[in-house]
């Protein structure tokens, strides 16, 4: 249902932009364009593709989101979220740790999504290997 400003919407990715399954030994970037269409908050979280539970890493939770208050936006207003076994320099607050040898999938959650999500005028990038 297209209920603007109500509920939540989830987008799930199991493969990168080249069609390869996401693998914890590689590094990736997801770009969220400016104007993330949520009126409450957004979150990106990594899950173990075997157990479908949150990925167990050295981080308390394998997520990056607007509620942390520490996510760094780019000068153009977009936000990059990084996945990988080690954080990119200077982007630790935008990084989700992964585990080499373990596959994962990612979910972007938009809480109280806005119209640009439903009409697809706002779209996140594919998850790109870096």
Protein backbone atom coordinates (compact mmCIF):
# COMPACT_ATOMS: atom_id res chain seq x y z
CA UNK A 1 0.00 0.00 0.00
CA UNK A 2 1.17 3.53 -0.74
CA UNK A 3 0.61 5.16 2.63
CA UNK A 4 2.71 8.31 2.66
CA UNK A 5 4.03 9.19 6.11
CA UNK A 6 2.69 5.98 7.68
CA UNK A 7 4.41 2.72 8.56
CA UNK A 8 7.67 1.63 6.98
CA UNK A 9 9.10 0.36 3.73
CA UNK A 10 12.06 -2.03 3.36
CA UNK A 11 14.38 -2.45 0.39
CA UNK A 12 16.55 -5.58 0.37
CA UNK A 13 19.76 -6.29 -1.60
CA UNK A 14 21.51 -9.65 -1.88
CA UNK A 15 23.77 -8.82 -4.85
CA UNK A 16 26.09 -5.99 -5.86
CA UNK A 17 25.75 -3.82 -8.96
CA UNK A 18 27.61 -6.46 -11.02
CA UNK A 19 25.21 -9.22 -10.01
CA UNK A 20 27.58 -10.93 -7.56
CA UNK A 21 26.34 -12.02 -4.14
CA UNK A 22 27.48 -9.73 -1.33
CA UNK A 23 30.55 -11.22 0.39
CA UNK A 24 32.01 -10.08 3.70
CA UNK A 25 35.63 -10.02 2.50
CA UNK A 26 34.90 -7.34 -0.08
CA UNK A 27 34.16 -3.63 0.37
CA UNK A 28 31.08 -1.88 -1.01
CA UNK A 29 29.35 1.50 -1.12
CA UNK A 30 25.63 2.31 -1.15
CA UNK A 31 24.74 5.91 -1.98
CA UNK A 32 21.51 7.40 -0.67
CA UNK A 33 20.72 10.53 -2.73
CA UNK A 34 19.79 13.80 -1.00
CA UNK A 35 16.30 14.02 0.45
CA UNK A 36 16.01 10.52 1.89
CA UNK A 37 12.21 10.08 1.85
CA UNK A 38 11.39 9.45 5.49
CA UNK A 39 9.61 11.59 8.00
CA UNK A 40 10.81 9.66 11.09
CA UNK A 41 14.18 7.99 10.37
CA UNK A 42 16.10 5.65 8.07
CA UNK A 43 18.40 2.69 8.74
CA UNK A 44 20.63 0.32 6.76
CA UNK A 45 21.44 -3.01 8.41
CA UNK A 46 23.45 -6.09 7.39
CA UNK A 47 22.18 -9.63 7.93
CA UNK A 48 23.87 -13.03 7.79
CA UNK A 49 22.59 -14.78 4.66
CA UNK A 50 22.68 -18.20 6.39
CA UNK A 51 20.85 -17.40 9.62
CA UNK A 52 18.92 -14.30 8.46
CA UNK A 53 19.89 -12.72 11.79
CA UNK A 54 21.86 -9.53 12.26
CA UNK A 55 25.44 -10.04 11.13
CA UNK A 56 27.62 -10.78 14.17
CA UNK A 57 30.67 -8.49 14.09
CA UNK A 58 32.74 -6.38 16.45
CA UNK A 59 30.14 -3.61 16.17
CA UNK A 60 27.27 -3.52 18.71
CA UNK A 61 24.79 -3.57 15.79
CA UNK A 62 25.60 -3.91 12.09
CA UNK A 63 23.77 -0.75 11.06
CA UNK A 64 24.05 2.87 10.01
CA UNK A 65 21.11 5.22 10.37
CA UNK A 66 19.83 8.70 10.88
CA UNK A 67 19.06 8.14 14.57
CA UNK A 68 22.74 7.73 15.47
CA UNK A 69 23.38 11.45 15.02
CA UNK A 70 26.87 10.64 13.71
CA UNK A 71 26.29 9.76 10.04
CA UNK A 72 28.28 12.04 7.72
CA UNK A 73 26.52 13.41 4.64
CA UNK A 74 28.44 14.33 1.50
CA UNK A 75 28.71 17.99 0.41
CA UNK A 76 25.89 17.44 -2.14
CA UNK A 77 23.54 16.13 0.58
CA UNK A 78 23.83 12.46 -0.41
CA UNK A 79 24.93 9.86 2.13
CA UNK A 80 27.32 6.99 1.46
CA UNK A 81 27.02 3.80 3.51
CA UNK A 82 30.03 1.49 3.42
CA UNK A 83 30.20 -2.27 3.97
CA UNK A 84 33.44 -4.17 4.46
CA UNK A 85 35.84 -5.82 6.89
CA UNK A 86 37.58 -2.47 7.56
CA UNK A 87 36.21 1.10 7.51
CA UNK A 88 37.24 3.58 4.82
CA UNK A 89 39.45 6.34 6.22
CA UNK A 90 37.39 9.10 7.80
CA UNK A 91 34.05 7.32 7.23
CA UNK A 92 33.87 5.08 10.27
CA UNK A 93 30.44 6.51 11.23
CA UNK A 94 29.04 5.44 7.84
CA UNK A 95 30.52 1.92 7.94
CA UNK A 96 28.93 -1.47 8.58
CA UNK A 97 31.47 -4.15 9.41
CA UNK A 98 31.31 -7.43 7.48
CA UNK A 99 33.03 -10.79 8.00
CA UNK A 100 35.40 -12.26 5.39
CA UNK A 101 34.12 -15.60 4.12
CA UNK A 102 30.55 -14.88 5.17
CA UNK A 103 27.82 -13.76 2.81
CA UNK A 104 25.37 -11.07 3.83
CA UNK A 105 22.40 -9.07 2.63
CA UNK A 106 21.43 -5.50 3.38
CA UNK A 107 18.09 -3.89 4.16
CA UNK A 108 17.33 -0.17 3.86
CA UNK A 109 14.39 0.80 6.06
CA UNK A 110 12.44 4.03 5.64
CA UNK A 111 10.17 4.83 8.57
CA UNK A 112 7.13 6.93 7.62
CA UNK A 113 8.15 7.03 3.94
CA UNK A 114 7.40 10.09 1.82
CA UNK A 115 5.91 10.37 -1.66
CA UNK A 116 9.25 10.36 -3.53
CA UNK A 117 9.77 6.76 -2.41
CA UNK A 118 6.45 5.63 -3.84
CA UNK A 119 6.66 7.55 -7.12
CA UNK A 120 10.30 6.42 -7.48
CA UNK A 121 11.65 9.93 -8.00
CA UNK A 122 14.10 9.06 -5.19
CA UNK A 123 16.11 5.87 -5.61
CA UNK A 124 19.19 4.60 -3.78
CA UNK A 125 22.15 3.43 -5.83
CA UNK A 126 22.96 -0.21 -6.34
CA UNK A 127 25.51 -1.57 -3.85
CA UNK A 128 28.79 -1.04 -5.67
CA UNK A 129 32.09 -2.87 -5.08
CA UNK A 130 34.94 -0.48 -4.20
